N, C-alpha and C. Protein backbone atom coordinates (compact mmCIF):
# COMPACT_ATOMS: atom_id res chain seq x y z
N MET A 1 0.86 -1.18 0.00
CA MET A 1 0.00 0.00 0.00
C MET A 1 0.89 1.23 -0.01
N THR A 2 0.62 2.17 -0.84
CA THR A 2 1.39 3.39 -0.93
C THR A 2 0.91 4.39 0.11
N ALA A 3 1.89 4.97 0.78
CA ALA A 3 1.53 5.96 1.83
C ALA A 3 0.98 7.23 1.19
N LEU A 4 -0.07 7.77 1.76
CA LEU A 4 -0.67 8.99 1.26
C LEU A 4 -0.20 10.20 2.03
N TRP A 5 0.56 9.98 3.05
CA TRP A 5 0.93 11.06 3.95
C TRP A 5 2.43 11.11 4.17
N PRO A 6 2.91 12.21 4.70
CA PRO A 6 4.35 12.33 4.96
C PRO A 6 4.79 11.36 6.05
N GLU A 7 6.09 11.23 6.18
CA GLU A 7 6.65 10.34 7.20
C GLU A 7 6.07 10.61 8.58
N GLU A 8 5.97 11.88 8.92
CA GLU A 8 5.42 12.25 10.23
C GLU A 8 4.17 13.13 10.03
N VAL A 9 3.09 12.77 10.69
CA VAL A 9 1.88 13.57 10.61
C VAL A 9 1.70 14.32 11.91
N ARG A 10 1.47 15.61 11.78
CA ARG A 10 1.19 16.48 12.92
C ARG A 10 0.09 17.42 12.47
N LEU A 11 -1.10 17.24 13.05
CA LEU A 11 -2.26 18.02 12.65
C LEU A 11 -2.65 18.97 13.74
N THR A 12 -3.00 20.18 13.36
CA THR A 12 -3.43 21.17 14.35
C THR A 12 -4.79 21.73 13.97
N GLY A 13 -5.56 22.10 14.96
CA GLY A 13 -6.86 22.69 14.77
C GLY A 13 -7.74 22.40 15.96
N GLU A 14 -8.80 23.22 16.13
CA GLU A 14 -9.74 23.01 17.22
C GLU A 14 -9.04 23.07 18.59
N GLY A 15 -7.93 23.77 18.68
CA GLY A 15 -7.19 23.88 19.95
C GLY A 15 -6.43 22.60 20.27
N LEU A 16 -6.20 21.72 19.29
CA LEU A 16 -5.51 20.46 19.49
C LEU A 16 -4.31 20.32 18.58
N VAL A 17 -3.44 19.42 18.99
CA VAL A 17 -2.34 18.93 18.15
C VAL A 17 -2.45 17.41 18.16
N LEU A 18 -2.68 16.84 16.99
CA LEU A 18 -2.68 15.38 16.84
C LEU A 18 -1.32 15.03 16.27
N ARG A 19 -0.60 14.16 16.97
CA ARG A 19 0.76 13.86 16.59
C ARG A 19 1.03 12.38 16.71
N GLU A 20 2.14 11.97 16.10
CA GLU A 20 2.57 10.57 16.18
C GLU A 20 2.84 10.19 17.64
N TRP A 21 2.60 8.93 17.98
CA TRP A 21 2.97 8.42 19.30
C TRP A 21 4.47 8.29 19.35
N ILE A 22 5.05 8.58 20.50
CA ILE A 22 6.50 8.48 20.73
C ILE A 22 6.78 7.58 21.92
N GLU A 23 8.01 7.18 22.06
CA GLU A 23 8.40 6.29 23.17
C GLU A 23 8.02 6.82 24.53
N ASP A 24 8.15 8.12 24.77
CA ASP A 24 7.82 8.72 26.05
C ASP A 24 6.34 8.58 26.40
N ASP A 25 5.50 8.36 25.40
CA ASP A 25 4.06 8.25 25.64
C ASP A 25 3.64 6.93 26.28
N VAL A 26 4.51 5.93 26.22
CA VAL A 26 4.19 4.60 26.78
C VAL A 26 3.76 4.75 28.23
N ALA A 27 4.41 5.61 28.97
CA ALA A 27 4.08 5.79 30.40
C ALA A 27 2.69 6.34 30.60
N PHE A 28 2.16 7.10 29.64
CA PHE A 28 0.82 7.70 29.78
C PHE A 28 -0.31 6.75 29.33
N MET A 29 0.01 5.81 28.42
CA MET A 29 -1.02 4.99 27.81
C MET A 29 -1.90 4.19 28.76
N PRO A 30 -1.33 3.52 29.78
CA PRO A 30 -2.23 2.78 30.69
C PRO A 30 -3.26 3.68 31.34
N GLY A 31 -2.90 4.89 31.73
CA GLY A 31 -3.84 5.83 32.33
C GLY A 31 -4.93 6.26 31.37
N LEU A 32 -4.64 6.23 30.08
CA LEU A 32 -5.62 6.60 29.07
C LEU A 32 -6.53 5.45 28.68
N PHE A 33 -5.95 4.25 28.55
CA PHE A 33 -6.66 3.15 27.92
C PHE A 33 -7.03 1.98 28.85
N ASP A 34 -6.55 1.98 30.08
CA ASP A 34 -6.90 0.89 30.99
C ASP A 34 -8.07 1.30 31.86
N ASN A 35 -9.26 1.30 31.24
CA ASN A 35 -10.47 1.65 31.98
C ASN A 35 -11.66 0.94 31.32
N PRO A 36 -12.75 0.80 32.05
CA PRO A 36 -13.90 0.00 31.55
C PRO A 36 -14.48 0.49 30.24
N ALA A 37 -14.60 1.79 30.04
CA ALA A 37 -15.22 2.30 28.80
C ALA A 37 -14.36 1.96 27.59
N VAL A 38 -13.05 2.12 27.70
CA VAL A 38 -12.16 1.78 26.59
C VAL A 38 -12.20 0.28 26.37
N ALA A 39 -12.19 -0.48 27.47
CA ALA A 39 -12.24 -1.94 27.36
C ALA A 39 -13.52 -2.36 26.66
N ARG A 40 -14.63 -1.72 26.96
CA ARG A 40 -15.93 -2.13 26.41
C ARG A 40 -16.14 -1.68 24.97
N PHE A 41 -15.69 -0.46 24.62
CA PHE A 41 -16.07 0.11 23.34
C PHE A 41 -14.95 0.21 22.31
N THR A 42 -13.76 -0.31 22.60
CA THR A 42 -12.68 -0.31 21.61
C THR A 42 -12.06 -1.69 21.55
N PRO A 43 -11.35 -1.96 20.47
CA PRO A 43 -10.65 -3.25 20.37
C PRO A 43 -9.31 -3.28 21.14
N LEU A 44 -8.98 -2.20 21.86
CA LEU A 44 -7.75 -2.17 22.61
C LEU A 44 -7.76 -3.26 23.68
N PRO A 45 -6.60 -3.86 23.96
CA PRO A 45 -6.54 -4.93 24.97
C PRO A 45 -6.91 -4.43 26.37
N SER A 46 -7.38 -5.36 27.16
CA SER A 46 -7.72 -5.05 28.55
C SER A 46 -7.32 -6.28 29.38
N PRO A 47 -6.57 -6.09 30.45
CA PRO A 47 -6.06 -4.82 30.95
C PRO A 47 -5.03 -4.22 29.97
N PHE A 48 -4.89 -2.90 30.06
CA PHE A 48 -3.94 -2.17 29.20
C PHE A 48 -2.81 -1.70 30.12
N ASP A 49 -1.72 -2.48 30.10
CA ASP A 49 -0.58 -2.20 30.98
C ASP A 49 0.61 -1.73 30.14
N GLU A 50 1.78 -1.69 30.75
CA GLU A 50 2.98 -1.24 30.03
C GLU A 50 3.31 -2.12 28.83
N VAL A 51 3.11 -3.43 28.99
CA VAL A 51 3.37 -4.36 27.87
C VAL A 51 2.41 -4.04 26.71
N ALA A 52 1.13 -3.82 27.02
CA ALA A 52 0.15 -3.46 26.00
C ALA A 52 0.49 -2.12 25.37
N ALA A 53 0.99 -1.19 26.18
CA ALA A 53 1.35 0.13 25.67
C ALA A 53 2.50 0.03 24.69
N LYS A 54 3.50 -0.76 24.99
CA LYS A 54 4.64 -0.94 24.07
C LYS A 54 4.18 -1.59 22.77
N ALA A 55 3.29 -2.58 22.89
CA ALA A 55 2.76 -3.23 21.68
C ALA A 55 1.91 -2.24 20.85
N HIS A 56 1.18 -1.37 21.53
CA HIS A 56 0.38 -0.34 20.85
C HIS A 56 1.27 0.61 20.07
N LEU A 57 2.35 1.03 20.68
CA LEU A 57 3.30 1.92 20.02
C LEU A 57 3.89 1.23 18.79
N GLU A 58 4.20 -0.04 18.91
CA GLU A 58 4.74 -0.79 17.78
C GLU A 58 3.71 -0.92 16.66
N LYS A 59 2.44 -1.18 17.01
CA LYS A 59 1.37 -1.23 15.99
C LYS A 59 1.23 0.12 15.28
N ALA A 60 1.35 1.21 16.01
CA ALA A 60 1.25 2.53 15.40
C ALA A 60 2.39 2.70 14.40
N ARG A 61 3.56 2.29 14.77
CA ARG A 61 4.73 2.40 13.88
C ARG A 61 4.57 1.52 12.64
N LEU A 62 4.02 0.31 12.81
CA LEU A 62 3.80 -0.59 11.68
C LEU A 62 2.76 -0.02 10.72
N ARG A 63 1.68 0.53 11.23
CA ARG A 63 0.65 1.18 10.39
C ARG A 63 1.28 2.30 9.59
N ARG A 64 2.11 3.10 10.25
CA ARG A 64 2.78 4.22 9.57
C ARG A 64 3.68 3.69 8.48
N ALA A 65 4.47 2.64 8.80
CA ALA A 65 5.45 2.10 7.87
C ALA A 65 4.79 1.46 6.64
N ASP A 66 3.66 0.78 6.84
CA ASP A 66 3.05 0.10 5.70
C ASP A 66 2.03 0.99 4.97
N GLY A 67 1.84 2.21 5.47
CA GLY A 67 0.96 3.16 4.80
C GLY A 67 -0.52 2.90 4.98
N SER A 68 -0.89 1.97 5.87
CA SER A 68 -2.32 1.60 6.00
C SER A 68 -3.09 2.46 6.99
N GLY A 69 -2.44 3.36 7.67
CA GLY A 69 -3.18 4.20 8.57
C GLY A 69 -2.30 4.93 9.55
N ARG A 70 -2.97 5.66 10.41
CA ARG A 70 -2.27 6.42 11.43
C ARG A 70 -3.01 6.29 12.77
N ARG A 71 -2.21 6.13 13.83
CA ARG A 71 -2.69 6.24 15.21
C ARG A 71 -2.00 7.49 15.75
N LEU A 72 -2.78 8.48 16.11
CA LEU A 72 -2.22 9.74 16.54
C LEU A 72 -2.62 10.07 18.00
N ALA A 73 -1.68 10.57 18.75
CA ALA A 73 -1.96 11.02 20.11
C ALA A 73 -2.72 12.33 20.04
N ILE A 74 -3.78 12.44 20.83
CA ILE A 74 -4.53 13.69 20.97
C ILE A 74 -3.86 14.49 22.08
N THR A 75 -3.41 15.69 21.75
CA THR A 75 -2.83 16.59 22.75
C THR A 75 -3.40 18.01 22.57
N THR A 76 -3.22 18.83 23.57
CA THR A 76 -3.61 20.23 23.40
C THR A 76 -2.41 21.09 23.01
N ASP A 77 -1.22 20.58 23.28
CA ASP A 77 -0.01 21.37 23.05
C ASP A 77 1.12 20.62 22.38
N GLY A 78 0.88 19.41 21.94
CA GLY A 78 1.94 18.59 21.33
C GLY A 78 2.70 17.77 22.34
N ASP A 79 2.39 17.93 23.63
CA ASP A 79 3.13 17.20 24.63
C ASP A 79 2.31 16.02 25.18
N GLU A 80 1.74 16.15 26.38
CA GLU A 80 1.08 15.02 27.05
C GLU A 80 -0.11 14.50 26.26
N PRO A 81 -0.13 13.20 25.99
CA PRO A 81 -1.29 12.63 25.28
C PRO A 81 -2.51 12.53 26.21
N LEU A 82 -3.69 12.84 25.61
CA LEU A 82 -4.94 12.82 26.34
C LEU A 82 -5.86 11.73 25.79
N GLY A 83 -5.46 11.15 24.67
CA GLY A 83 -6.28 10.12 24.01
C GLY A 83 -5.65 9.81 22.67
N GLU A 84 -6.46 9.19 21.81
CA GLU A 84 -5.98 8.77 20.51
C GLU A 84 -7.06 8.96 19.45
N ALA A 85 -6.61 9.39 18.26
CA ALA A 85 -7.47 9.45 17.07
C ALA A 85 -6.82 8.59 16.02
N VAL A 86 -7.63 7.77 15.32
CA VAL A 86 -7.09 6.83 14.36
C VAL A 86 -7.75 7.01 12.99
N LEU A 87 -6.98 6.68 11.94
CA LEU A 87 -7.46 6.68 10.58
C LEU A 87 -6.86 5.47 9.91
N PHE A 88 -7.71 4.56 9.45
CA PHE A 88 -7.24 3.32 8.80
C PHE A 88 -7.85 3.19 7.43
N LEU A 89 -7.01 2.90 6.44
CA LEU A 89 -7.49 2.61 5.09
C LEU A 89 -7.97 1.17 5.10
N GLN A 90 -9.18 0.94 4.60
CA GLN A 90 -9.76 -0.41 4.59
C GLN A 90 -9.68 -0.99 3.18
N GLU A 91 -9.50 -2.28 3.08
CA GLU A 91 -9.39 -2.96 1.79
C GLU A 91 -10.64 -2.73 0.94
N GLU A 92 -11.78 -2.53 1.57
CA GLU A 92 -13.03 -2.33 0.85
C GLU A 92 -13.10 -0.96 0.17
N GLY A 93 -12.11 -0.10 0.43
CA GLY A 93 -12.05 1.20 -0.23
C GLY A 93 -12.49 2.39 0.63
N HIS A 94 -13.03 2.13 1.80
CA HIS A 94 -13.40 3.25 2.66
C HIS A 94 -12.30 3.49 3.71
N VAL A 95 -12.50 4.56 4.46
CA VAL A 95 -11.58 4.92 5.51
C VAL A 95 -12.32 4.85 6.84
N GLU A 96 -11.74 4.17 7.80
CA GLU A 96 -12.36 4.08 9.13
C GLU A 96 -11.61 4.97 10.09
N LEU A 97 -12.34 5.81 10.77
CA LEU A 97 -11.77 6.70 11.78
C LEU A 97 -12.26 6.25 13.15
N GLY A 98 -11.56 6.67 14.17
CA GLY A 98 -11.96 6.34 15.52
C GLY A 98 -11.25 7.23 16.52
N TYR A 99 -11.64 7.11 17.80
CA TYR A 99 -11.09 7.95 18.84
C TYR A 99 -11.32 7.30 20.18
N ALA A 100 -10.43 7.62 21.12
CA ALA A 100 -10.59 7.20 22.50
C ALA A 100 -9.95 8.29 23.36
N VAL A 101 -10.63 8.70 24.41
CA VAL A 101 -10.14 9.76 25.28
C VAL A 101 -9.97 9.19 26.68
N GLY A 102 -8.86 9.46 27.31
CA GLY A 102 -8.62 9.02 28.67
C GLY A 102 -9.66 9.56 29.63
N PRO A 103 -10.04 8.78 30.66
CA PRO A 103 -11.11 9.19 31.57
C PRO A 103 -10.87 10.53 32.27
N ALA A 104 -9.63 10.84 32.57
CA ALA A 104 -9.33 12.10 33.25
C ALA A 104 -9.50 13.31 32.36
N HIS A 105 -9.66 13.07 31.04
CA HIS A 105 -9.70 14.17 30.09
C HIS A 105 -11.06 14.30 29.40
N ARG A 106 -12.03 13.50 29.83
CA ARG A 106 -13.35 13.57 29.22
C ARG A 106 -14.07 14.84 29.67
N GLY A 107 -15.08 15.24 28.92
CA GLY A 107 -15.82 16.46 29.23
C GLY A 107 -15.20 17.71 28.63
N GLN A 108 -14.14 17.54 27.82
CA GLN A 108 -13.49 18.70 27.16
C GLN A 108 -13.76 18.74 25.66
N ASP A 109 -14.70 17.86 25.22
CA ASP A 109 -15.03 17.74 23.80
C ASP A 109 -13.84 17.32 22.93
N LEU A 110 -12.90 16.59 23.55
CA LEU A 110 -11.71 16.15 22.81
C LEU A 110 -12.04 15.20 21.69
N ALA A 111 -13.00 14.30 21.90
CA ALA A 111 -13.34 13.32 20.86
C ALA A 111 -13.86 14.05 19.62
N ALA A 112 -14.84 14.90 19.80
CA ALA A 112 -15.42 15.62 18.66
C ALA A 112 -14.39 16.52 17.99
N ARG A 113 -13.62 17.24 18.79
CA ARG A 113 -12.62 18.14 18.23
C ARG A 113 -11.58 17.37 17.43
N SER A 114 -11.12 16.25 17.99
CA SER A 114 -10.09 15.46 17.26
C SER A 114 -10.69 14.81 16.01
N LEU A 115 -11.96 14.37 16.10
CA LEU A 115 -12.60 13.77 14.93
C LEU A 115 -12.78 14.83 13.82
N ARG A 116 -13.10 16.06 14.16
CA ARG A 116 -13.22 17.13 13.16
C ARG A 116 -11.88 17.36 12.48
N VAL A 117 -10.80 17.40 13.25
CA VAL A 117 -9.46 17.61 12.68
C VAL A 117 -9.09 16.44 11.76
N LEU A 118 -9.31 15.22 12.23
CA LEU A 118 -8.95 14.04 11.42
C LEU A 118 -9.82 13.92 10.18
N THR A 119 -11.11 14.26 10.30
CA THR A 119 -12.01 14.24 9.14
C THR A 119 -11.54 15.24 8.10
N ALA A 120 -11.22 16.46 8.52
CA ALA A 120 -10.74 17.50 7.59
C ALA A 120 -9.47 17.02 6.90
N TYR A 121 -8.57 16.38 7.61
CA TYR A 121 -7.33 15.89 7.05
C TYR A 121 -7.62 14.81 5.99
N ALA A 122 -8.48 13.87 6.33
CA ALA A 122 -8.82 12.81 5.38
C ALA A 122 -9.45 13.38 4.10
N LEU A 123 -10.33 14.37 4.26
CA LEU A 123 -10.96 15.00 3.11
C LEU A 123 -9.92 15.75 2.27
N GLU A 124 -8.97 16.41 2.97
CA GLU A 124 -7.90 17.12 2.26
C GLU A 124 -7.06 16.16 1.42
N LEU A 125 -6.90 14.92 1.88
CA LEU A 125 -6.15 13.92 1.14
C LEU A 125 -7.00 13.27 0.05
N GLY A 126 -8.26 13.63 -0.01
CA GLY A 126 -9.16 13.04 -1.01
C GLY A 126 -9.64 11.65 -0.66
N LEU A 127 -9.58 11.32 0.64
CA LEU A 127 -10.02 9.99 1.06
C LEU A 127 -11.52 9.94 1.30
N GLY A 128 -12.08 8.78 1.15
CA GLY A 128 -13.48 8.62 1.46
C GLY A 128 -13.99 7.34 0.82
N PRO A 129 -15.19 6.91 1.14
CA PRO A 129 -16.03 7.50 2.19
C PRO A 129 -15.42 7.33 3.57
N LEU A 130 -15.74 8.24 4.47
CA LEU A 130 -15.21 8.23 5.82
C LEU A 130 -16.26 7.60 6.74
N ARG A 131 -15.83 6.58 7.49
CA ARG A 131 -16.79 5.84 8.30
C ARG A 131 -16.29 5.67 9.75
N LEU A 132 -17.25 5.51 10.62
CA LEU A 132 -17.01 5.15 12.01
C LEU A 132 -17.74 3.87 12.27
N LYS A 133 -17.20 2.97 13.06
CA LYS A 133 -17.90 1.78 13.54
C LYS A 133 -18.11 1.97 15.02
N ILE A 134 -19.36 2.14 15.41
CA ILE A 134 -19.69 2.48 16.80
C ILE A 134 -20.59 1.39 17.38
N ASP A 135 -20.21 0.92 18.56
CA ASP A 135 -20.99 -0.08 19.25
C ASP A 135 -22.40 0.51 19.52
N ALA A 136 -23.41 -0.30 19.27
CA ALA A 136 -24.79 0.15 19.42
C ALA A 136 -25.08 0.68 20.83
N GLY A 137 -24.33 0.29 21.84
CA GLY A 137 -24.54 0.74 23.20
C GLY A 137 -23.73 1.97 23.60
N ASN A 138 -22.99 2.54 22.65
CA ASN A 138 -22.10 3.64 22.99
C ASN A 138 -22.74 5.00 22.64
N ALA A 139 -23.65 5.45 23.52
CA ALA A 139 -24.38 6.69 23.26
C ALA A 139 -23.45 7.91 23.17
N ALA A 140 -22.40 7.92 23.99
CA ALA A 140 -21.47 9.07 23.97
C ALA A 140 -20.81 9.19 22.61
N SER A 141 -20.36 8.06 22.06
CA SER A 141 -19.70 8.08 20.76
C SER A 141 -20.67 8.44 19.64
N GLU A 142 -21.92 7.95 19.75
CA GLU A 142 -22.92 8.32 18.77
C GLU A 142 -23.17 9.83 18.79
N ALA A 143 -23.18 10.45 19.94
CA ALA A 143 -23.39 11.90 20.07
C ALA A 143 -22.23 12.64 19.43
N VAL A 144 -20.99 12.16 19.62
CA VAL A 144 -19.82 12.76 18.98
C VAL A 144 -19.96 12.69 17.48
N ALA A 145 -20.32 11.51 16.95
CA ALA A 145 -20.46 11.33 15.52
C ALA A 145 -21.47 12.33 14.94
N ARG A 146 -22.61 12.46 15.59
CA ARG A 146 -23.65 13.39 15.10
C ARG A 146 -23.14 14.84 15.07
N ARG A 147 -22.48 15.25 16.15
CA ARG A 147 -21.98 16.64 16.26
C ARG A 147 -20.98 16.95 15.15
N VAL A 148 -20.23 15.96 14.70
CA VAL A 148 -19.19 16.19 13.71
C VAL A 148 -19.71 16.07 12.27
N GLY A 149 -20.94 15.56 12.10
CA GLY A 149 -21.48 15.49 10.76
C GLY A 149 -21.56 14.07 10.20
N TYR A 150 -21.43 13.09 11.06
CA TYR A 150 -21.57 11.69 10.63
C TYR A 150 -23.04 11.28 10.86
N ALA A 151 -23.52 10.40 9.97
CA ALA A 151 -24.91 9.94 10.09
C ALA A 151 -24.92 8.41 10.06
N LEU A 152 -25.83 7.86 10.81
CA LEU A 152 -25.99 6.41 10.83
C LEU A 152 -26.44 5.94 9.45
N THR A 153 -25.78 4.89 8.92
CA THR A 153 -26.14 4.35 7.60
C THR A 153 -27.13 3.22 7.76
N ASP A 154 -27.64 2.74 6.65
CA ASP A 154 -28.52 1.58 6.68
C ASP A 154 -27.75 0.28 6.46
N ALA A 155 -26.43 0.34 6.58
CA ALA A 155 -25.62 -0.89 6.47
C ALA A 155 -26.04 -1.84 7.60
N PRO A 156 -26.07 -3.16 7.29
CA PRO A 156 -26.49 -4.09 8.34
C PRO A 156 -25.52 -4.04 9.55
N PRO A 157 -26.03 -4.16 10.75
CA PRO A 157 -25.15 -4.18 11.94
C PRO A 157 -24.16 -5.34 11.83
N GLU A 158 -22.99 -5.11 12.36
CA GLU A 158 -21.93 -6.12 12.37
C GLU A 158 -21.83 -6.70 13.78
N ALA A 159 -22.29 -7.93 13.94
CA ALA A 159 -22.24 -8.59 15.23
C ALA A 159 -20.95 -9.38 15.34
N LYS A 160 -20.25 -9.23 16.45
CA LYS A 160 -19.02 -9.99 16.67
C LYS A 160 -18.76 -10.15 18.15
N VAL A 161 -17.85 -11.04 18.46
CA VAL A 161 -17.40 -11.21 19.84
C VAL A 161 -16.00 -10.69 19.92
N GLU A 162 -15.79 -9.78 20.84
CA GLU A 162 -14.46 -9.17 21.03
C GLU A 162 -14.18 -9.12 22.54
N LYS A 163 -13.05 -9.70 22.91
CA LYS A 163 -12.66 -9.76 24.32
C LYS A 163 -13.74 -10.44 25.15
N GLY A 164 -14.41 -11.44 24.55
CA GLY A 164 -15.44 -12.19 25.26
C GLY A 164 -16.78 -11.48 25.37
N LEU A 165 -16.92 -10.32 24.74
CA LEU A 165 -18.16 -9.55 24.80
C LEU A 165 -18.88 -9.60 23.45
N ASP A 166 -20.18 -9.77 23.46
CA ASP A 166 -20.97 -9.64 22.23
C ASP A 166 -21.12 -8.17 21.95
N ILE A 167 -20.72 -7.76 20.76
CA ILE A 167 -20.90 -6.35 20.40
C ILE A 167 -21.61 -6.28 19.05
N THR A 168 -22.28 -5.19 18.86
CA THR A 168 -22.96 -4.91 17.60
C THR A 168 -22.47 -3.55 17.12
N LEU A 169 -21.73 -3.58 16.01
CA LEU A 169 -21.17 -2.36 15.47
C LEU A 169 -22.12 -1.79 14.40
N LEU A 170 -22.39 -0.51 14.55
CA LEU A 170 -23.20 0.21 13.58
C LEU A 170 -22.28 1.09 12.76
N THR A 171 -22.58 1.27 11.47
CA THR A 171 -21.74 2.06 10.58
C THR A 171 -22.30 3.46 10.44
N TRP A 172 -21.45 4.42 10.67
CA TRP A 172 -21.76 5.83 10.53
C TRP A 172 -20.88 6.36 9.39
N GLU A 173 -21.40 7.27 8.58
CA GLU A 173 -20.61 7.82 7.48
C GLU A 173 -20.68 9.33 7.49
N TYR A 174 -19.57 9.95 7.09
CA TYR A 174 -19.51 11.39 7.09
C TYR A 174 -20.43 11.93 6.01
N ALA A 175 -21.32 12.81 6.43
CA ALA A 175 -22.29 13.36 5.51
C ALA A 175 -22.06 14.88 5.33
N GLY A 176 -21.02 15.39 5.94
CA GLY A 176 -20.73 16.81 5.86
C GLY A 176 -21.32 17.55 7.04
N SER A 177 -20.80 18.76 7.26
CA SER A 177 -21.29 19.50 8.42
C SER A 177 -22.29 20.55 8.00
């Protein structure tokens, strides 16, 4: 797969800096991702400890290297990560975006702000259609999707078992703001 982006991606907007994960971020990752909401609504491993954090950093580097996507740290200043925004090119031709915000940083509209920045970037690159896969029980994520201009599609729900949990993923697509 040919990379569509530069070696390093650093996106700014909405009072945020979305940047590549770095080695120093491993220490922050368990505090961001080792919690029940992330365990329930994302494919990230649980528990999310230092070993999982190092593996996550390696996955981010592999995605960057093979050109299939980006995992970016959500920050307000380019320093401490507060969560993650992701963009993955799918074999079916669409782009899947996602986000996770650490529990200590919720209530700051970080998910919607980072999704707006990532959506604008994907559109700037000419990518699309832009989609989110949101668990049917994740009302907070559904609200974020709506605020940013994503709409629920009529695609059939995707039922699967992940981490021993039955989940039903609904497809949302960017319809513009």
